[in-house]
Amino acid sequence: VTDLIEELLQPVATRRRDLLICAEKALDRKCKAEMSG
């Protein structure tokens, strides 16, 4: 968990942009961000 938290807190510019995805989108549903434009 310690290593994972360190990875997650890296700036998006230094890690894969698609590493974290809206949980709703991962379940093939529309996420709140997509519904708001």
Full PDB file with SEQRES, HELIX, SHEET, SSBOND, CRYST1, ORIGX, SCALE, CONECT and MASTER records, all heavy atoms in Angstrom:
SEQRES   1 A   37  VAL THR ASP LEU ILE GLU GLU LEU LEU GLN PRO VAL ALA          
SEQRES   2 A   37  THR ARG ARG ARG ASP LEU LEU ILE CYS ALA GLU LYS ALA          
SEQRES   3 A   37  LEU ASP ARG LYS CYS LYS ALA GLU MET SER GLY                  
HELIX    1 AA1 THR A    2  LEU A    8  1                                   7    
HELIX    2 AA2 VAL A   12  THR A   14  5                                   3    
HELIX    3 AA3 ALA A   23  ALA A   26  1                                   4    
HELIX    4 AA4 LYS A   32  MET A   35  1                                   4    
CRYST1    1.000    1.000    1.000  90.00  90.00  90.00 P 1           1          
ORIGX1      1.000000  0.000000  0.000000        0.00000                         
ORIGX2      0.000000  1.000000  0.000000        0.00000                         
ORIGX3      0.000000  0.000000  1.000000        0.00000                         
SCALE1      1.000000  0.000000  0.000000        0.00000                         
SCALE2      0.000000  1.000000  0.000000        0.00000                         
SCALE3      0.000000  0.000000  1.000000        0.00000                         
ATOM      1  N   VAL A   1       0.839  -1.202   0.000  1.00  0.00           N  
ATOM      2  CA  VAL A   1       0.000   0.000   0.000  1.00  0.00           C  
ATOM      3  C   VAL A   1       0.873   1.252   0.000  1.00  0.00           C  
ATOM      4  O   VAL A   1       0.573   2.223  -0.694  1.00  0.00           O  
ATOM      5  CB  VAL A   1      -0.978  -0.013   1.196  1.00  0.00           C  
ATOM      6  CG1 VAL A   1      -1.733   1.293   1.283  1.00  0.00           C  
ATOM      7  CG2 VAL A   1      -1.943  -1.186   1.069  1.00  0.00           C  
ATOM      8  N   THR A   2       1.964   1.227   0.731  1.00  0.00           N  
ATOM      9  CA  THR A   2       2.870   2.378   0.782  1.00  0.00           C  
ATOM     10  C   THR A   2       3.411   2.706  -0.609  1.00  0.00           C  
ATOM     11  O   THR A   2       3.406   3.865  -1.036  1.00  0.00           O  
ATOM     12  CB  THR A   2       4.037   2.106   1.746  1.00  0.00           C  
ATOM     13  OG1 THR A   2       3.508   1.748   3.020  1.00  0.00           O  
ATOM     14  CG2 THR A   2       4.917   3.329   1.891  1.00  0.00           C  
ATOM     15  N   ASP A   3       3.872   1.685  -1.336  1.00  0.00           N  
ATOM     16  CA  ASP A   3       4.391   1.898  -2.691  1.00  0.00           C  
ATOM     17  C   ASP A   3       3.286   2.364  -3.628  1.00  0.00           C  
ATOM     18  O   ASP A   3       3.499   3.219  -4.484  1.00  0.00           O  
ATOM     19  CB  ASP A   3       5.027   0.621  -3.246  1.00  0.00           C  
ATOM     20  CG  ASP A   3       6.319   0.256  -2.535  1.00  0.00           C  
ATOM     21  OD1 ASP A   3       6.892   1.130  -1.845  1.00  0.00           O  
ATOM     22  OD2 ASP A   3       6.748  -0.911  -2.665  1.00  0.00           O  
ATOM     23  N   LEU A   4       2.113   1.799  -3.466  1.00  0.00           N  
ATOM     24  CA  LEU A   4       0.989   2.171  -4.320  1.00  0.00           C  
ATOM     25  C   LEU A   4       0.585   3.627  -4.089  1.00  0.00           C  
ATOM     26  O   LEU A   4       0.351   4.374  -5.047  1.00  0.00           O  
ATOM     27  CB  LEU A   4      -0.200   1.239  -4.074  1.00  0.00           C  
ATOM     28  CG  LEU A   4      -1.424   1.448  -4.938  1.00  0.00           C  
ATOM     29  CD1 LEU A   4      -1.084   1.365  -6.422  1.00  0.00           C  
ATOM     30  CD2 LEU A   4      -2.489   0.429  -4.583  1.00  0.00           C  
ATOM     31  N   ILE A   5       0.533   4.054  -2.839  1.00  0.00           N  
ATOM     32  CA  ILE A   5       0.192   5.450  -2.542  1.00  0.00           C  
ATOM     33  C   ILE A   5       1.230   6.385  -3.142  1.00  0.00           C  
ATOM     34  O   ILE A   5       0.887   7.413  -3.729  1.00  0.00           O  
ATOM     35  CB  ILE A   5       0.045   5.662  -1.016  1.00  0.00           C  
ATOM     36  CG1 ILE A   5      -1.214   4.964  -0.520  1.00  0.00           C  
ATOM     37  CG2 ILE A   5       0.026   7.150  -0.672  1.00  0.00           C  
ATOM     38  CD1 ILE A   5      -1.367   4.943   0.980  1.00  0.00           C  
ATOM     39  N   GLU A   6       2.498   6.006  -3.031  1.00  0.00           N  
ATOM     40  CA  GLU A   6       3.565   6.823  -3.625  1.00  0.00           C  
ATOM     41  C   GLU A   6       3.366   6.940  -5.138  1.00  0.00           C  
ATOM     42  O   GLU A   6       3.520   8.013  -5.708  1.00  0.00           O  
ATOM     43  CB  GLU A   6       4.924   6.208  -3.304  1.00  0.00           C  
ATOM     44  CG  GLU A   6       6.088   7.057  -3.733  1.00  0.00           C  
ATOM     45  CD  GLU A   6       7.409   6.448  -3.304  1.00  0.00           C  
ATOM     46  OE1 GLU A   6       7.551   6.122  -2.118  1.00  0.00           O  
ATOM     47  OE2 GLU A   6       8.280   6.307  -4.181  1.00  0.00           O  
ATOM     48  N   GLU A   7       3.009   5.831  -5.783  1.00  0.00           N  
ATOM     49  CA  GLU A   7       2.760   5.848  -7.230  1.00  0.00           C  
ATOM     50  C   GLU A   7       1.566   6.745  -7.572  1.00  0.00           C  
ATOM     51  O   GLU A   7       1.617   7.535  -8.508  1.00  0.00           O  
ATOM     52  CB  GLU A   7       2.498   4.427  -7.730  1.00  0.00           C  
ATOM     53  CG  GLU A   7       2.136   4.367  -9.197  1.00  0.00           C  
ATOM     54  CD  GLU A   7       1.674   2.983  -9.629  1.00  0.00           C  
ATOM     55  OE1 GLU A   7       1.113   2.236  -8.795  1.00  0.00           O  
ATOM     56  OE2 GLU A   7       1.866   2.669 -10.797  1.00  0.00           O  
ATOM     57  N   LEU A   8       0.497   6.634  -6.793  1.00  0.00           N  
ATOM     58  CA  LEU A   8      -0.713   7.408  -7.073  1.00  0.00           C  
ATOM     59  C   LEU A   8      -0.507   8.905  -6.912  1.00  0.00           C  
ATOM     60  O   LEU A   8      -1.160   9.701  -7.583  1.00  0.00           O  
ATOM     61  CB  LEU A   8      -1.847   6.958  -6.155  1.00  0.00           C  
ATOM     62  CG  LEU A   8      -2.328   5.522  -6.306  1.00  0.00           C  
ATOM     63  CD1 LEU A   8      -3.410   5.228  -5.288  1.00  0.00           C  
ATOM     64  CD2 LEU A   8      -2.784   5.227  -7.708  1.00  0.00           C  
ATOM     65  N   LEU A   9       0.377   9.289  -6.017  1.00  0.00           N  
ATOM     66  CA  LEU A   9       0.596  10.707  -5.762  1.00  0.00           C  
ATOM     67  C   LEU A   9       1.596  11.351  -6.725  1.00  0.00           C  
ATOM     68  O   LEU A   9       1.858  12.543  -6.623  1.00  0.00           O  
ATOM     69  CB  LEU A   9       1.028  10.925  -4.304  1.00  0.00           C  
ATOM     70  CG  LEU A   9      -0.058  10.611  -3.284  1.00  0.00           C  
ATOM     71  CD1 LEU A   9       0.486  10.762  -1.873  1.00  0.00           C  
ATOM     72  CD2 LEU A   9      -1.283  11.490  -3.484  1.00  0.00           C  
ATOM     73  N   GLN A  10       2.111  10.566  -7.671  1.00  0.00           N  
ATOM     74  CA  GLN A  10       2.988  11.135  -8.700  1.00  0.00           C  
ATOM     75  C   GLN A  10       2.165  12.046  -9.596  1.00  0.00           C  
ATOM     76  O   GLN A  10       0.995  11.770  -9.874  1.00  0.00           O  
ATOM     77  CB  GLN A  10       3.613  10.028  -9.555  1.00  0.00           C  
ATOM     78  CG  GLN A  10       4.559   9.136  -8.818  1.00  0.00           C  
ATOM     79  CD  GLN A  10       5.771   9.891  -8.327  1.00  0.00           C  
ATOM     80  OE1 GLN A  10       6.374  10.662  -9.066  1.00  0.00           O  
ATOM     81  NE2 GLN A  10       6.098   9.694  -7.068  1.00  0.00           N  
ATOM     82  N   PRO A  11       2.769  13.137 -10.071  1.00  0.00           N  
ATOM     83  CA  PRO A  11       2.043  13.982 -11.023  1.00  0.00           C  
ATOM     84  C   PRO A  11       1.635  13.178 -12.262  1.00  0.00           C  
ATOM     85  O   PRO A  11       2.340  12.256 -12.670  1.00  0.00           O  
ATOM     86  CB  PRO A  11       3.069  15.055 -11.398  1.00  0.00           C  
ATOM     87  CG  PRO A  11       4.072  15.031 -10.299  1.00  0.00           C  
ATOM     88  CD  PRO A  11       4.098  13.631  -9.770  1.00  0.00           C  
ATOM     89  N   VAL A  12       0.503  13.513 -12.819  1.00  0.00           N  
ATOM     90  CA  VAL A  12      -0.001  12.797 -14.000  1.00  0.00           C  
ATOM     91  C   VAL A  12       1.029  12.840 -15.130  1.00  0.00           C  
ATOM     92  O   VAL A  12       1.144  11.905 -15.915  1.00  0.00           O  
ATOM     93  CB  VAL A  12      -1.355  13.379 -14.455  1.00  0.00           C  
ATOM     94  CG1 VAL A  12      -1.849  12.696 -15.715  1.00  0.00           C  
ATOM     95  CG2 VAL A  12      -2.384  13.222 -13.351  1.00  0.00           C  
ATOM     96  N   ALA A  13       1.825  13.895 -15.183  1.00  0.00           N  
ATOM     97  CA  ALA A  13       2.836  14.030 -16.239  1.00  0.00           C  
ATOM     98  C   ALA A  13       3.949  12.984 -16.124  1.00  0.00           C  
ATOM     99  O   ALA A  13       4.625  12.692 -17.108  1.00  0.00           O  
ATOM    100  CB  ALA A  13       3.445  15.426 -16.208  1.00  0.00           C  
ATOM    101  N   THR A  14       4.119  12.390 -14.931  1.00  0.00           N  
ATOM    102  CA  THR A  14       5.200  11.420 -14.742  1.00  0.00           C  
ATOM    103  C   THR A  14       4.705   9.982 -14.598  1.00  0.00           C  
ATOM    104  O   THR A  14       5.495   9.084 -14.363  1.00  0.00           O  
ATOM    105  CB  THR A  14       6.050  11.785 -13.503  1.00  0.00           C  
ATOM    106  OG1 THR A  14       5.221  11.746 -12.351  1.00  0.00           O  
ATOM    107  CG2 THR A  14       6.688  13.144 -13.662  1.00  0.00           C  
ATOM    108  N   ARG A  15       3.430   9.773 -14.718  1.00  0.00           N  
ATOM    109  CA  ARG A  15       2.893   8.408 -14.681  1.00  0.00           C  
ATOM    110  C   ARG A  15       1.906   8.240 -15.832  1.00  0.00           C  
ATOM    111  O   ARG A  15       1.538   9.202 -16.493  1.00  0.00           O  
ATOM    112  CB  ARG A  15       2.234   8.109 -13.337  1.00  0.00           C  
ATOM    113  CG  ARG A  15       0.970   8.890 -13.074  1.00  0.00           C  
ATOM    114  CD  ARG A  15       0.182   8.276 -11.922  1.00  0.00           C  
ATOM    115  NE  ARG A  15      -0.925   9.081 -11.509  1.00  0.00           N  
ATOM    116  CZ  ARG A  15      -2.110   9.125 -12.138  1.00  0.00           C  
ATOM    117  NH1 ARG A  15      -2.316   8.405 -13.216  1.00  0.00           N  
ATOM    118  NH2 ARG A  15      -3.083   9.888 -11.699  1.00  0.00           N  
ATOM    119  N   ARG A  16       1.498   7.016 -16.063  1.00  0.00           N  
ATOM    120  CA  ARG A  16       0.524   6.764 -17.126  1.00  0.00           C  
ATOM    121  C   ARG A  16      -0.761   7.505 -16.849  1.00  0.00           C  
ATOM    122  O   ARG A  16      -1.342   7.402 -15.770  1.00  0.00           O  
ATOM    123  CB  ARG A  16       0.217   5.271 -17.228  1.00  0.00           C  
ATOM    124  CG  ARG A  16       1.261   4.497 -17.938  1.00  0.00           C  
ATOM    125  CD  ARG A  16       0.846   3.063 -18.225  1.00  0.00           C  
ATOM    126  NE  ARG A  16      -0.573   2.886 -18.397  1.00  0.00           N  
ATOM    127  CZ  ARG A  16      -1.215   1.792 -17.996  1.00  0.00           C  
ATOM    128  NH1 ARG A  16      -0.585   0.810 -17.405  1.00  0.00           N  
ATOM    129  NH2 ARG A  16      -2.515   1.682 -18.193  1.00  0.00           N  
ATOM    130  N   ARG A  17      -1.224   8.252 -17.817  1.00  0.00           N  
ATOM    131  CA  ARG A  17      -2.442   9.049 -17.636  1.00  0.00           C  
ATOM    132  C   ARG A  17      -3.672   8.172 -17.408  1.00  0.00           C  
ATOM    133  O   ARG A  17      -4.591   8.530 -16.683  1.00  0.00           O  
ATOM    134  CB  ARG A  17      -2.655   9.929 -18.875  1.00  0.00           C  
ATOM    135  CG  ARG A  17      -3.840  10.849 -18.734  1.00  0.00           C  
ATOM    136  CD  ARG A  17      -3.863  11.857 -19.883  1.00  0.00           C  
ATOM    137  NE  ARG A  17      -4.891  12.843 -19.646  1.00  0.00           N  
ATOM    138  CZ  ARG A  17      -6.109  12.759 -20.166  1.00  0.00           C  
ATOM    139  NH1 ARG A  17      -6.443  11.753 -20.936  1.00  0.00           N  
ATOM    140  NH2 ARG A  17      -6.996  13.690 -19.911  1.00  0.00           N  
ATOM    141  N   ASP A  18      -3.676   7.006 -18.012  1.00  0.00           N  
ATOM    142  CA  ASP A  18      -4.836   6.118 -17.910  1.00  0.00           C  
ATOM    143  C   ASP A  18      -4.731   5.117 -16.761  1.00  0.00           C  
ATOM    144  O   ASP A  18      -5.459   4.138 -16.718  1.00  0.00           O  
ATOM    145  CB  ASP A  18      -5.065   5.395 -19.228  1.00  0.00           C  
ATOM    146  CG  ASP A  18      -3.904   4.494 -19.625  1.00  0.00           C  
ATOM    147  OD1 ASP A  18      -2.822   4.588 -19.010  1.00  0.00           O  
ATOM    148  OD2 ASP A  18      -4.076   3.694 -20.554  1.00  0.00           O  
ATOM    149  N   LEU A  19      -3.836   5.371 -15.812  1.00  0.00           N  
ATOM    150  CA  LEU A  19      -3.646   4.452 -14.693  1.00  0.00           C  
ATOM    151  C   LEU A  19      -4.899   4.382 -13.813  1.00  0.00           C  
ATOM    152  O   LEU A  19      -5.304   3.321 -13.380  1.00  0.00           O  
ATOM    153  CB  LEU A  19      -2.449   4.889 -13.852  1.00  0.00           C  
ATOM    154  CG  LEU A  19      -2.034   3.947 -12.742  1.00  0.00           C  
ATOM    155  CD1 LEU A  19      -1.540   2.627 -13.317  1.00  0.00           C  
ATOM    156  CD2 LEU A  19      -0.951   4.582 -11.894  1.00  0.00           C  
ATOM    157  N   LEU A  20      -5.526   5.537 -13.563  1.00  0.00           N  
ATOM    158  CA  LEU A  20      -6.724   5.586 -12.737  1.00  0.00           C  
ATOM    159  C   LEU A  20      -7.923   5.970 -13.588  1.00  0.00           C  
ATOM    160  O   LEU A  20      -7.877   6.945 -14.331  1.00  0.00           O  
ATOM    161  CB  LEU A  20      -6.548   6.609 -11.612  1.00  0.00           C  
ATOM    162  CG  LEU A  20      -5.411   6.336 -10.643  1.00  0.00           C  
ATOM    163  CD1 LEU A  20      -5.295   7.466  -9.642  1.00  0.00           C  
ATOM    164  CD2 LEU A  20      -5.581   5.005  -9.948  1.00  0.00           C  
ATOM    165  N   ILE A  21      -8.976   5.195 -13.460  1.00  0.00           N  
ATOM    166  CA  ILE A  21     -10.188   5.406 -14.249  1.00  0.00           C  
ATOM    167  C   ILE A  21     -11.366   5.489 -13.282  1.00  0.00           C  
ATOM    168  O   ILE A  21     -11.390   4.826 -12.243  1.00  0.00           O  
ATOM    169  CB  ILE A  21     -10.399   4.246 -15.247  1.00  0.00           C  
ATOM    170  CG1 ILE A  21      -9.211   4.146 -16.201  1.00  0.00           C  
ATOM    171  CG2 ILE A  21     -11.687   4.405 -16.029  1.00  0.00           C  
ATOM    172  CD1 ILE A  21      -9.240   2.922 -17.069  1.00  0.00           C  
ATOM    173  N   CYS A  22     -12.341   6.284 -13.642  1.00  0.00           N  
ATOM    174  CA  CYS A  22     -13.561   6.362 -12.858  1.00  0.00           C  
ATOM    175  C   CYS A  22     -14.114   4.950 -12.635  1.00  0.00           C  
ATOM    176  O   CYS A  22     -14.194   4.151 -13.573  1.00  0.00           O  
ATOM    177  CB  CYS A  22     -14.574   7.225 -13.608  1.00  0.00           C  
ATOM    178  SG  CYS A  22     -16.197   7.244 -12.848  1.00  0.00           S  
ATOM    179  N   ALA A  23     -14.465   4.640 -11.404  1.00  0.00           N  
ATOM    180  CA  ALA A  23     -14.965   3.304 -11.076  1.00  0.00           C  
ATOM    181  C   ALA A  23     -16.227   2.973 -11.869  1.00  0.00           C  
ATOM    182  O   ALA A  23     -16.419   1.835 -12.304  1.00  0.00           O  
ATOM    183  CB  ALA A  23     -15.232   3.196  -9.582  1.00  0.00           C  
ATOM    184  N   GLU A  24     -17.084   3.954 -12.069  1.00  0.00           N  
ATOM    185  CA  GLU A  24     -18.305   3.725 -12.855  1.00  0.00           C  
ATOM    186  C   GLU A  24     -17.959   3.348 -14.296  1.00  0.00           C  
ATOM    187  O   GLU A  24     -18.568   2.447 -14.871  1.00  0.00           O  
ATOM    188  CB  GLU A  24     -19.195   4.964 -12.833  1.00  0.00           C  
ATOM    189  CG  GLU A  24     -19.796   5.262 -11.483  1.00  0.00           C  
ATOM    190  CD  GLU A  24     -20.750   4.181 -11.012  1.00  0.00           C  
ATOM    191  OE1 GLU A  24     -21.606   3.742 -11.803  1.00  0.00           O  
ATOM    192  OE2 GLU A  24     -20.633   3.768  -9.848  1.00  0.00           O  
ATOM    193  N   LYS A  25     -16.994   4.038 -14.880  1.00  0.00           N  
ATOM    194  CA  LYS A  25     -16.590   3.760 -16.263  1.00  0.00           C  
ATOM    195  C   LYS A  25     -16.015   2.347 -16.373  1.00  0.00           C  
ATOM    196  O   LYS A  25     -16.249   1.648 -17.359  1.00  0.00           O  
ATOM    197  CB  LYS A  25     -15.556   4.797 -16.713  1.00  0.00           C  
ATOM    198  CG  LYS A  25     -15.183   4.681 -18.161  1.00  0.00           C  
ATOM    199  CD  LYS A  25     -16.355   5.032 -19.041  1.00  0.00           C  
ATOM    200  CE  LYS A  25     -15.940   5.112 -20.494  1.00  0.00           C  
ATOM    201  NZ  LYS A  25     -17.045   5.488 -21.352  1.00  0.00           N  
ATOM    202  N   ALA A  26     -15.275   1.922 -15.360  1.00  0.00           N  
ATOM    203  CA  ALA A  26     -14.710   0.570 -15.364  1.00  0.00           C  
ATOM    204  C   ALA A  26     -15.811  -0.490 -15.349  1.00  0.00           C  
ATOM    205  O   ALA A  26     -15.602  -1.601 -15.818  1.00  0.00           O  
ATOM    206  CB  ALA A  26     -13.785   0.388 -14.164  1.00  0.00           C  
ATOM    207  N   LEU A  27     -16.988  -0.119 -14.845  1.00  0.00           N  
ATOM    208  CA  LEU A  27     -18.132  -1.036 -14.813  1.00  0.00           C  
ATOM    209  C   LEU A  27     -19.060  -0.827 -16.013  1.00  0.00           C  
ATOM    210  O   LEU A  27     -20.204  -1.262 -16.006  1.00  0.00           O  
ATOM    211  CB  LEU A  27     -18.918  -0.832 -13.513  1.00  0.00           C  
ATOM    212  CG  LEU A  27     -18.143  -1.133 -12.232  1.00  0.00           C  
ATOM    213  CD1 LEU A  27     -18.934  -0.682 -11.020  1.00  0.00           C  
ATOM    214  CD2 LEU A  27     -17.799  -2.610 -12.149  1.00  0.00           C  
ATOM    215  N   ASP A  28     -18.542  -0.125 -17.049  1.00  0.00           N  
ATOM    216  CA  ASP A  28     -19.288   0.158 -18.280  1.00  0.00           C  
ATOM    217  C   ASP A  28     -20.523   1.015 -18.048  1.00  0.00           C  
ATOM    218  O   ASP A  28     -21.549   0.839 -18.702  1.00  0.00           O  
ATOM    219  CB  ASP A  28     -19.672  -1.128 -19.017  1.00  0.00           C  
ATOM    220  CG  ASP A  28     -18.458  -1.806 -19.615  1.00  0.00           C  
ATOM    221  OD1 ASP A  28     -17.529  -1.088 -20.048  1.00  0.00           O  
ATOM    222  OD2 ASP A  28     -18.432  -3.049 -19.647  1.00  0.00           O  
ATOM    223  N   ARG A  29     -20.432   1.936 -17.077  1.00  0.00           N  
ATOM    224  CA  ARG A  29     -21.494   2.911 -16.851  1.00  0.00           C  
ATOM    225  C   ARG A  29     -20.920   4.296 -17.064  1.00  0.00           C  
ATOM    226  O   ARG A  29     -19.715   4.476 -17.084  1.00  0.00           O  
ATOM    227  CB  ARG A  29     -22.041   2.796 -15.425  1.00  0.00           C  
ATOM    228  CG  ARG A  29     -22.706   1.468 -15.164  1.00  0.00           C  
ATOM    229  CD  ARG A  29     -23.316   1.455 -13.799  1.00  0.00           C  
ATOM    230  NE  ARG A  29     -22.321   0.966 -12.854  1.00  0.00           N  
ATOM    231  CZ  ARG A  29     -22.603   0.362 -11.718  1.00  0.00           C  
ATOM    232  NH1 ARG A  29     -23.846   0.189 -11.356  1.00  0.00           N  
ATOM    233  NH2 ARG A  29     -21.657  -0.049 -10.919  1.00  0.00           N  
ATOM    234  N   LYS A  30     -21.775   5.286 -17.222  1.00  0.00           N  
ATOM    235  CA  LYS A  30     -21.297   6.658 -17.368  1.00  0.00           C  
ATOM    236  C   LYS A  30     -20.904   7.208 -16.012  1.00  0.00           C  
ATOM    237  O   LYS A  30     -21.644   7.068 -15.044  1.00  0.00           O  
ATOM    238  CB  LYS A  30     -22.373   7.552 -17.979  1.00  0.00           C  
ATOM    239  CG  LYS A  30     -22.431   7.476 -19.467  1.00  0.00           C  
ATOM    240  CD  LYS A  30     -23.131   8.686 -20.012  1.00  0.00           C  
ATOM    241  CE  LYS A  30     -22.831   8.782 -21.490  1.00  0.00           C  
ATOM    242  NZ  LYS A  30     -23.124  10.078 -22.003  1.00  0.00           N  
ATOM    243  N   CYS A  31     -19.730   7.827 -15.957  1.00  0.00           N  
ATOM    244  CA  CYS A  31     -19.309   8.422 -14.687  1.00  0.00           C  
ATOM    245  C   CYS A  31     -19.872   9.843 -14.588  1.00  0.00           C  
ATOM    246  O   CYS A  31     -20.291  10.438 -15.579  1.00  0.00           O  
ATOM    247  CB  CYS A  31     -17.792   8.408 -14.545  1.00  0.00           C  
ATOM    248  SG  CYS A  31     -16.886   9.419 -15.701  1.00  0.00           S  
ATOM    249  N   LYS A  32     -19.866  10.391 -13.360  1.00  0.00           N  
ATOM    250  CA  LYS A  32     -20.424  11.721 -13.132  1.00  0.00           C  
ATOM    251  C   LYS A  32     -19.741  12.773 -13.990  1.00  0.00           C  
ATOM    252  O   LYS A  32     -20.381  13.691 -14.487  1.00  0.00           O  
ATOM    253  CB  LYS A  32     -20.289  12.101 -11.660  1.00  0.00           C  
ATOM    254  CG  LYS A  32     -21.202  11.372 -10.752  1.00  0.00           C  
ATOM    255  CD  LYS A  32     -20.996  11.829  -9.315  1.00  0.00           C  
ATOM    256  CE  LYS A  32     -21.826  11.016  -8.359  1.00  0.00           C  
ATOM    257  NZ  LYS A  32     -21.600  11.426  -6.967  1.00  0.00           N  
ATOM    258  N   ALA A  33     -18.433  12.648 -14.167  1.00  0.00           N  
ATOM    259  CA  ALA A  33     -17.692  13.631 -14.968  1.00  0.00           C  
ATOM    260  C   ALA A  33     -18.189  13.634 -16.408  1.00  0.00           C  
ATOM    261  O   ALA A  33     -18.405  14.688 -16.994  1.00  0.00           O  
ATOM    262  CB  ALA A  33     -16.199  13.337 -14.927  1.00  0.00           C  
ATOM    263  N   GLU A  34     -18.390  12.463 -16.974  1.00  0.00           N  
ATOM    264  CA  GLU A  34     -18.874  12.376 -18.349  1.00  0.00           C  
ATOM    265  C   GLU A  34     -20.284  12.945 -18.466  1.00  0.00           C  
ATOM    266  O   GLU A  34     -20.616  13.586 -19.454  1.00  0.00           O  
ATOM    267  CB  GLU A  34     -18.853  10.932 -18.836  1.00  0.00           C  
ATOM    268  CG  GLU A  34     -17.453  10.413 -19.074  1.00  0.00           C  
ATOM    269  CD  GLU A  34     -17.454   8.980 -19.535  1.00  0.00           C  
ATOM    270  OE1 GLU A  34     -18.050   8.128 -18.848  1.00  0.00           O  
ATOM    271  OE2 GLU A  34     -16.861   8.709 -20.587  1.00  0.00           O  
ATOM    272  N   MET A  35     -21.109  12.713 -17.457  1.00  0.00           N  
ATOM    273  CA  MET A  35     -22.478  13.232 -17.503  1.00  0.00           C  
ATOM    274  C   MET A  35     -22.509  14.756 -17.384  1.00  0.00           C  
ATOM    275  O   MET A  35     -23.442  15.388 -17.826  1.00  0.00           O  
ATOM    276  CB  MET A  35     -23.335  12.587 -16.411  1.00  0.00           C  
ATOM    277  CG  MET A  35     -23.624  11.121 -16.693  1.00  0.00           C  
ATOM    278  SD  MET A  35     -24.816  10.394 -15.562  1.00  0.00           S  
ATOM    279  CE  MET A  35     -23.839  10.190 -14.085  1.00  0.00           C  
ATOM    280  N   SER A  36     -21.456  15.328 -16.768  1.00  0.00           N  
ATOM    281  CA  SER A  36     -21.418  16.786 -16.627  1.00  0.00           C  
ATOM    282  C   SER A  36     -20.641  17.459 -17.749  1.00  0.00           C  
ATOM    283  O   SER A  36     -20.363  18.643 -17.677  1.00  0.00           O  
ATOM    284  CB  SER A  36     -20.834  17.178 -15.270  1.00  0.00           C  
ATOM    285  OG  SER A  36     -19.473  16.813 -15.211  1.00  0.00           O  
ATOM    286  N   GLY A  37     -20.272  16.697 -18.774  1.00  0.00           N  
ATOM    287  CA  GLY A  37     -19.640  17.290 -19.938  1.00  0.00           C  
ATOM    288  C   GLY A  37     -18.149  17.063 -20.077  1.00  0.00           C  
ATOM    289  O   GLY A  37     -17.551  17.393 -21.093  1.00  0.00           O  
TER     290      GLY A  37                                                      
MASTER        0    0    0    4    0    0    0    6  289    1    0    3          
END                                                                             
